[in-house]
């Protein structure tokens, strides 16, 4: 099969790779669409020791089961593989499983390839009316759906329903869409890239600015750098909540004194639970997350150039989806 392989810092090569052999309980999926995630970018620049070269990256995928009793099923992939037996798994917090794996991280190769192997329980069937290009967005949407669920569970019931989202990439956009789907109408995205701001305003109809001039009880940091954490503690209202999704760096930034004196909650949000992923899929399928027309499609053979364009800020769309068969 053809695969886009990470071979070292700043190097991606399209080459032949061994087709995966499914283990017991797994399905071989013919990948039709796979998105480029911020974590793929971190790996590409050598900033993620968990993803050593050589490795097939990519975990935001949808496709068609290739063989066996499930042959022909259109599916979206939950890439988080867990043990199913530990305390966290049995309590519905699979994302905290100590033995969790994710495709695109050893020992599991990723989905920047024509085929990927994944356990059956990690597949959700996609209705025929939903294009697989959009179904591949389920994973990044689930990341944000989970983070917004955490925020909504923490915010005081008498608090006004407004939110600020830091970062207008796919996770930030998905957070804004999830907030609106959960009844928060007043949502603003802070995004420094003018090309991206224009896209979000005109294509997605969202309120977007370089830097908000007001505060909000809910702040979602979808970037995760010291400077964005500092902004989050400045923009959150007393008694509010910051949900930290991005993993940009581990630098300082939080104003701990203000957070303590004004009872501001800080919640780290990692991936999603199986329920969050399933709930996201249902919201995607029934249209609650909007038309989902904010991605750009390229061939897998153009993947290396896509990474370069994203890094250089030449991409207006929040997401690039690759087609392994184009």
Protein backbone atom coordinates (compact mmCIF):
# COMPACT_ATOMS: atom_id res chain seq x y z
CA UNK A 1 0.00 0.00 0.00
CA UNK A 2 1.00 3.66 -0.32
CA UNK A 3 1.71 5.56 2.89
CA UNK A 4 2.98 8.98 3.87
CA UNK A 5 5.83 8.17 6.26
CA UNK A 6 7.44 10.51 8.78
CA UNK A 7 11.15 9.79 8.34
CA UNK A 8 12.76 12.51 10.43
CA UNK A 9 12.36 16.13 11.44
CA UNK A 10 10.66 17.99 8.60
CA UNK A 11 10.64 14.95 6.31
CA UNK A 12 7.58 13.11 4.99
CA UNK A 13 7.89 10.63 2.14
CA UNK A 14 5.20 8.90 0.12
CA UNK A 15 6.35 5.31 -0.32
CA UNK A 16 5.28 1.70 -0.29
CA UNK A 17 4.58 0.21 3.13
CA UNK A 18 3.40 -3.16 4.35
CA UNK A 19 -0.37 -3.50 4.43
CA UNK A 20 -1.48 -4.04 8.06
CA UNK A 21 -2.68 -7.49 9.12
CA UNK A 22 -5.67 -7.20 11.49
CA UNK A 23 -5.43 -9.06 14.79
CA UNK A 24 -8.35 -10.84 16.45
CA UNK A 25 -11.22 -8.41 16.95
CA UNK A 26 -9.82 -5.89 14.47
CA UNK A 27 -11.02 -4.68 11.09
CA UNK A 28 -8.98 -3.66 8.06
CA UNK A 29 -10.25 -0.27 6.91
CA UNK A 30 -9.63 1.15 3.46
CA UNK A 31 -8.91 4.77 4.36
CA UNK A 32 -10.83 7.23 2.20
CA UNK A 33 -10.12 10.45 4.11
CA UNK A 34 -7.66 11.39 6.84
CA UNK A 35 -7.13 14.81 8.42
CA UNK A 36 -3.90 16.53 9.43
CA UNK A 37 -3.91 17.22 13.17
CA UNK A 38 -1.84 19.63 15.23
CA UNK A 39 -0.24 16.61 16.92
CA UNK A 40 0.91 15.42 13.50
CA UNK A 41 2.57 18.82 13.07
CA UNK A 42 4.28 18.48 16.47
CA UNK A 43 5.65 15.09 15.44
CA UNK A 44 6.74 16.43 12.05
CA UNK A 45 8.93 19.02 13.78
CA UNK A 46 10.36 16.48 16.23
CA UNK A 47 8.51 17.89 19.22
CA UNK A 48 6.82 14.65 20.25
CA UNK A 49 9.03 11.88 21.64
CA UNK A 50 6.03 9.54 21.59
CA UNK A 51 6.11 9.55 17.79
CA UNK A 52 9.63 8.55 16.70
CA UNK A 53 10.59 8.17 13.04
CA UNK A 54 10.01 6.21 10.94
CA UNK A 55 6.27 6.19 11.52
CA UNK A 56 2.99 6.54 9.65
CA UNK A 57 1.19 9.47 11.28
CA UNK A 58 -2.49 10.39 11.01
CA UNK A 59 -5.42 9.44 13.25
CA UNK A 60 -8.43 11.48 12.02
CA UNK A 61 -9.84 8.99 9.56
CA UNK A 62 -12.88 7.48 7.90
CA UNK A 63 -13.17 4.75 5.29
CA UNK A 64 -14.74 1.45 4.30
CA UNK A 65 -14.17 -1.95 5.90
CA UNK A 66 -12.20 -3.95 3.37
CA UNK A 67 -12.92 -7.59 4.22
CA UNK A 68 -14.71 -10.01 6.54
CA UNK A 69 -18.30 -9.91 7.87
CA UNK A 70 -18.18 -6.10 8.06
CA UNK A 71 -17.01 -5.70 4.47
CA UNK A 72 -18.45 -2.61 2.82
CA UNK A 73 -19.44 -0.77 5.98
CA UNK A 74 -18.69 2.96 5.86
CA UNK A 75 -17.07 3.88 9.16
CA UNK A 76 -15.46 6.68 11.10
CA UNK A 77 -12.57 5.70 13.35
CA UNK A 78 -12.11 6.34 17.05
CA UNK A 79 -8.30 6.05 17.10
CA UNK A 80 -8.01 5.70 20.87
CA UNK A 81 -7.52 2.01 21.70
CA UNK A 82 -7.97 1.14 25.37
CA UNK A 83 -7.86 -2.02 27.50
CA UNK A 84 -11.57 -2.05 28.33
CA UNK A 85 -10.95 -3.62 31.74
CA UNK A 86 -9.24 -1.12 34.04
CA UNK A 87 -10.95 1.19 36.56
CA UNK A 88 -10.96 4.08 34.13
CA UNK A 89 -12.40 2.07 31.24
CA UNK A 90 -15.10 0.50 33.42
CA UNK A 91 -16.13 3.94 34.70
CA UNK A 92 -16.45 5.48 31.23
CA UNK A 93 -13.17 7.41 31.33
CA UNK A 94 -11.39 5.43 28.66
CA UNK A 95 -9.16 8.39 27.76
CA UNK A 96 -7.38 7.94 31.10
CA UNK A 97 -6.66 4.23 30.59
CA UNK A 98 -3.00 3.63 31.60
CA UNK A 99 -2.62 1.16 28.73
CA UNK A 100 -4.21 3.37 26.07
CA UNK A 101 -2.79 3.41 22.58
CA UNK A 102 -3.60 5.61 19.63
CA UNK A 103 -3.01 4.96 15.98
CA UNK A 104 -0.07 7.08 14.71
CA UNK A 105 1.87 6.28 17.87
CA UNK A 106 3.91 3.07 18.39
CA UNK A 107 3.04 0.25 18.43
CA UNK A 108 0.18 1.30 16.11
CA UNK A 109 0.85 2.82 12.70
CA UNK A 110 -1.38 5.68 11.62
CA UNK A 111 -3.87 6.43 8.88
CA UNK A 112 -1.80 8.48 6.41
CA UNK A 113 -2.03 5.33 4.34
CA UNK A 114 -4.38 3.39 2.14
CA UNK A 115 -5.22 0.91 4.91
CA UNK A 116 -5.28 0.87 8.71
CA UNK A 117 -6.17 -1.84 11.24
CA UNK A 118 -8.40 -0.95 14.19
CA UNK A 119 -10.51 -2.86 16.78
CA UNK A 120 -14.15 -3.30 15.82
CA UNK A 121 -15.39 -1.42 18.90
CA UNK A 122 -13.51 1.65 17.66
CA UNK A 123 -15.65 1.93 14.54
CA UNK A 124 -18.91 3.84 14.16
CA UNK A 125 -20.96 3.22 11.05
CA UNK A 126 -21.56 6.29 8.90
CA UNK A 127 -24.97 6.89 7.28
CA UNK A 128 -24.95 6.80 3.49
CA UNK A 129 -25.97 10.47 3.31
CA UNK A 130 -22.83 11.62 5.14
CA UNK A 131 -19.68 12.00 2.98
CA UNK A 132 -16.65 10.22 4.39
CA UNK A 133 -14.63 13.44 4.07
CA UNK A 134 -16.91 14.93 6.72
CA UNK A 135 -16.99 11.73 8.77
CA UNK A 136 -13.19 12.02 9.11
CA UNK A 137 -13.81 15.22 11.08
CA UNK A 138 -15.43 13.24 13.89
CA UNK A 139 -12.14 12.81 15.77
CA UNK A 140 -11.17 16.50 16.08
CA UNK A 141 -14.82 17.39 16.70
CA UNK A 142 -14.88 14.81 19.53
CA UNK A 143 -11.83 16.39 21.17
CA UNK A 144 -13.71 19.67 21.43
CA UNK A 145 -17.07 18.09 22.26
CA UNK A 146 -15.42 16.43 25.26
CA UNK A 147 -13.78 19.67 26.41
CA UNK A 148 -17.05 21.62 26.14
CA UNK A 149 -18.87 18.86 28.04
CA UNK A 150 -16.35 19.32 30.87
CA UNK A 151 -16.86 23.09 30.83
CA UNK A 152 -20.64 22.84 30.86
CA UNK A 153 -20.48 20.44 33.80
CA UNK A 154 -18.40 22.89 35.84
CA UNK A 155 -19.98 26.28 35.11
CA UNK A 156 -22.43 27.65 37.70
CA UNK A 157 -26.07 27.12 36.63
CA UNK A 158 -26.86 30.83 37.10
CA UNK A 159 -23.89 31.98 35.01
CA UNK A 160 -24.52 33.59 31.65
CA UNK A 161 -23.92 31.36 28.67
CA UNK A 162 -21.04 32.97 26.79
CA UNK A 163 -17.60 31.73 25.85
CA UNK A 164 -14.27 32.68 24.34
CA UNK A 165 -12.24 30.19 22.32
CA UNK A 166 -8.51 30.79 21.86
CA UNK A 167 -7.36 29.52 18.47
CA UNK A 168 -9.25 29.25 15.19
CA UNK A 169 -7.83 25.97 13.96
CA UNK A 170 -9.93 22.82 13.72
CA UNK A 171 -10.06 22.26 17.50
CA UNK A 172 -11.00 25.87 18.24
CA UNK A 173 -13.61 25.93 15.50
CA UNK A 174 -14.97 22.58 16.69
CA UNK A 175 -15.19 23.95 20.24
CA UNK A 176 -17.23 26.91 19.00
CA UNK A 177 -19.56 24.56 17.13
CA UNK A 178 -19.92 22.28 20.17
CA UNK A 179 -20.65 25.25 22.43
CA UNK A 180 -23.41 26.41 20.11
CA UNK A 181 -24.81 22.88 19.85
CA UNK A 182 -24.99 22.80 23.67
CA UNK A 183 -26.86 26.10 23.90
CA UNK A 184 -24.10 28.68 24.25
CA UNK A 185 -24.98 31.25 21.60
CA UNK A 186 -22.50 34.01 22.49
CA UNK A 187 -19.20 32.52 21.31
CA UNK A 188 -16.15 34.41 20.05
CA UNK A 189 -12.92 32.96 18.64
CA UNK A 190 -9.58 34.71 19.15
CA UNK A 191 -7.35 34.02 16.13
CA UNK A 192 -4.20 36.00 15.16
CA UNK A 193 -4.01 34.85 11.53
CA UNK A 194 -6.01 37.34 9.38
CA UNK A 195 -6.46 34.77 6.61
CA UNK A 196 -8.00 32.34 9.08
CA UNK A 197 -10.14 35.08 10.69
CA UNK A 198 -11.62 35.98 7.33
CA UNK A 199 -12.38 32.33 6.57
CA UNK A 200 -14.08 31.72 9.92
CA UNK A 201 -16.21 34.85 9.62
CA UNK A 202 -17.24 34.46 6.00
CA UNK A 203 -17.45 30.67 5.60
CA UNK A 204 -18.53 29.67 9.09
CA UNK A 205 -20.48 32.76 10.16
CA UNK A 206 -18.68 32.98 13.50
CA UNK A 207 -17.67 35.94 15.62
CA UNK A 208 -13.89 36.18 15.42
CA UNK A 209 -11.26 38.74 16.43
CA UNK A 210 -7.55 39.12 16.95
CA UNK A 211 -8.10 39.72 20.68
CA UNK A 212 -11.50 39.94 22.43
CA UNK A 213 -12.36 43.13 24.30
CA UNK A 214 -14.50 41.40 26.92
CA UNK A 215 -14.39 38.48 29.34
CA UNK A 216 -16.48 35.31 29.52
CA UNK A 217 -17.27 32.62 32.10
CA UNK A 218 -16.01 29.88 29.76
CA UNK A 219 -12.62 30.05 28.04
CA UNK A 220 -11.38 27.20 25.87
CA UNK A 221 -7.64 27.25 25.14
CA UNK A 222 -7.34 25.26 21.93
CA UNK A 223 -3.69 26.26 21.41
CA UNK A 224 -1.87 25.55 24.67
CA UNK A 225 1.13 27.89 24.74
CA UNK A 226 2.28 30.01 27.66
CA UNK A 227 1.00 33.15 25.97
CA UNK A 228 -2.45 31.66 25.36
CA UNK A 229 -2.68 30.42 28.95
CA UNK A 230 -1.88 33.97 30.07
CA UNK A 231 -4.64 35.25 27.81
CA UNK A 232 -7.04 32.65 29.18
CA UNK A 233 -6.52 33.78 32.78
CA UNK A 234 -6.98 37.40 31.69
CA UNK A 235 -10.18 36.78 29.73
CA UNK A 236 -11.99 34.40 32.11
CA UNK A 237 -14.52 35.90 34.51
CA UNK A 238 -14.49 35.35 38.30
CA UNK A 239 -15.96 31.95 39.11
CA UNK A 240 -15.45 30.86 35.52
CA UNK A 241 -13.66 27.92 33.97
CA UNK A 242 -10.67 27.50 31.67
CA UNK A 243 -10.55 24.27 29.69
CA UNK A 244 -7.08 23.57 28.35
CA UNK A 245 -7.07 21.43 25.20
CA UNK A 246 -3.99 22.47 23.24
CA UNK A 247 -0.54 20.98 23.84
CA UNK A 248 1.61 23.69 22.33
CA UNK A 249 4.24 23.79 25.07
CA UNK A 250 4.71 23.37 28.80
CA UNK A 251 5.75 26.93 29.61
CA UNK A 252 4.20 29.03 32.36
CA UNK A 253 1.34 31.42 31.71
CA UNK A 254 -1.37 30.84 34.29
CA UNK A 255 -2.04 33.63 36.80
CA UNK A 256 -2.39 31.29 39.77
CA UNK A 257 -2.97 34.12 42.27
CA UNK A 258 -5.93 35.50 40.30
CA UNK A 259 -7.31 32.00 39.73
CA UNK A 260 -7.20 31.32 43.48
CA UNK A 261 -8.65 34.65 44.63
CA UNK A 262 -11.49 34.50 42.08
CA UNK A 263 -12.20 30.77 42.22
CA UNK A 264 -11.39 30.14 38.58
CA UNK A 265 -11.35 26.47 37.63
CA UNK A 266 -8.74 25.00 35.34
CA UNK A 267 -9.50 21.70 33.60
CA UNK A 268 -7.14 19.75 31.41
CA UNK A 269 -8.98 17.97 28.62
CA UNK A 270 -7.41 15.00 26.83
CA UNK A 271 -8.97 13.43 23.74
CA UNK A 272 -12.45 12.01 24.55
CA UNK A 273 -14.33 9.19 26.15
CA UNK A 274 -16.09 6.56 24.05
CA UNK A 275 -19.38 8.28 24.92
CA UNK A 276 -18.07 11.69 23.85
CA UNK A 277 -16.94 10.21 20.54
CA UNK A 278 -20.30 8.52 19.99
CA UNK A 279 -22.23 11.66 20.96
CA UNK A 280 -20.10 13.69 18.56
CA UNK A 281 -20.77 11.27 15.73
CA UNK A 282 -24.53 11.54 16.31
CA UNK A 283 -24.32 15.34 16.36
CA UNK A 284 -22.30 15.26 13.14
CA UNK A 285 -24.74 12.89 11.44
CA UNK A 286 -27.88 14.86 12.38
CA UNK A 287 -26.45 18.25 11.41
CA UNK A 288 -26.16 19.87 14.85
CA UNK A 289 -22.54 20.81 14.10
CA UNK A 290 -23.40 22.65 10.91
CA UNK A 291 -22.53 21.94 7.28
CA UNK A 292 -18.88 21.05 8.07
CA UNK A 293 -17.68 22.62 4.84
CA UNK A 294 -14.58 24.22 6.33
CA UNK A 295 -11.93 21.74 5.19
CA UNK A 296 -9.71 21.51 2.13
CA UNK A 297 -9.06 18.18 0.39
CA UNK A 298 -5.71 17.19 -1.12
CA UNK A 299 -4.19 13.95 -2.36
CA UNK A 300 -2.00 11.98 0.03
CA UNK A 301 0.83 12.51 -2.47
CA UNK A 302 0.55 16.24 -1.69
CA UNK A 303 0.79 15.61 2.05
CA UNK A 304 4.34 16.87 2.54
CA UNK A 305 3.47 20.13 0.80
CA UNK A 306 0.32 20.40 2.93
CA UNK A 307 2.43 20.27 6.10
CA UNK A 308 4.67 23.02 4.73
CA UNK A 309 1.70 25.19 3.81
CA UNK A 310 0.12 24.80 7.24
CA UNK A 311 3.36 25.73 8.97
CA UNK A 312 3.82 28.78 6.74
CA UNK A 313 0.28 30.03 7.44
CA UNK A 314 -0.75 29.70 3.80
CA UNK A 315 -3.90 27.68 4.56
CA UNK A 316 -7.11 29.53 5.35
CA UNK A 317 -9.19 26.42 6.02
CA UNK A 318 -8.94 25.08 9.60
CA UNK A 319 -8.41 21.53 8.32
CA UNK A 320 -6.72 19.75 5.42
CA UNK A 321 -8.09 16.28 4.67
CA UNK A 322 -5.94 13.91 2.61
CA UNK A 323 -7.24 11.32 0.11
CA UNK A 324 -4.98 8.24 -0.04
CA UNK A 325 -6.46 7.14 -3.36
CA UNK A 326 -6.41 10.38 -5.35
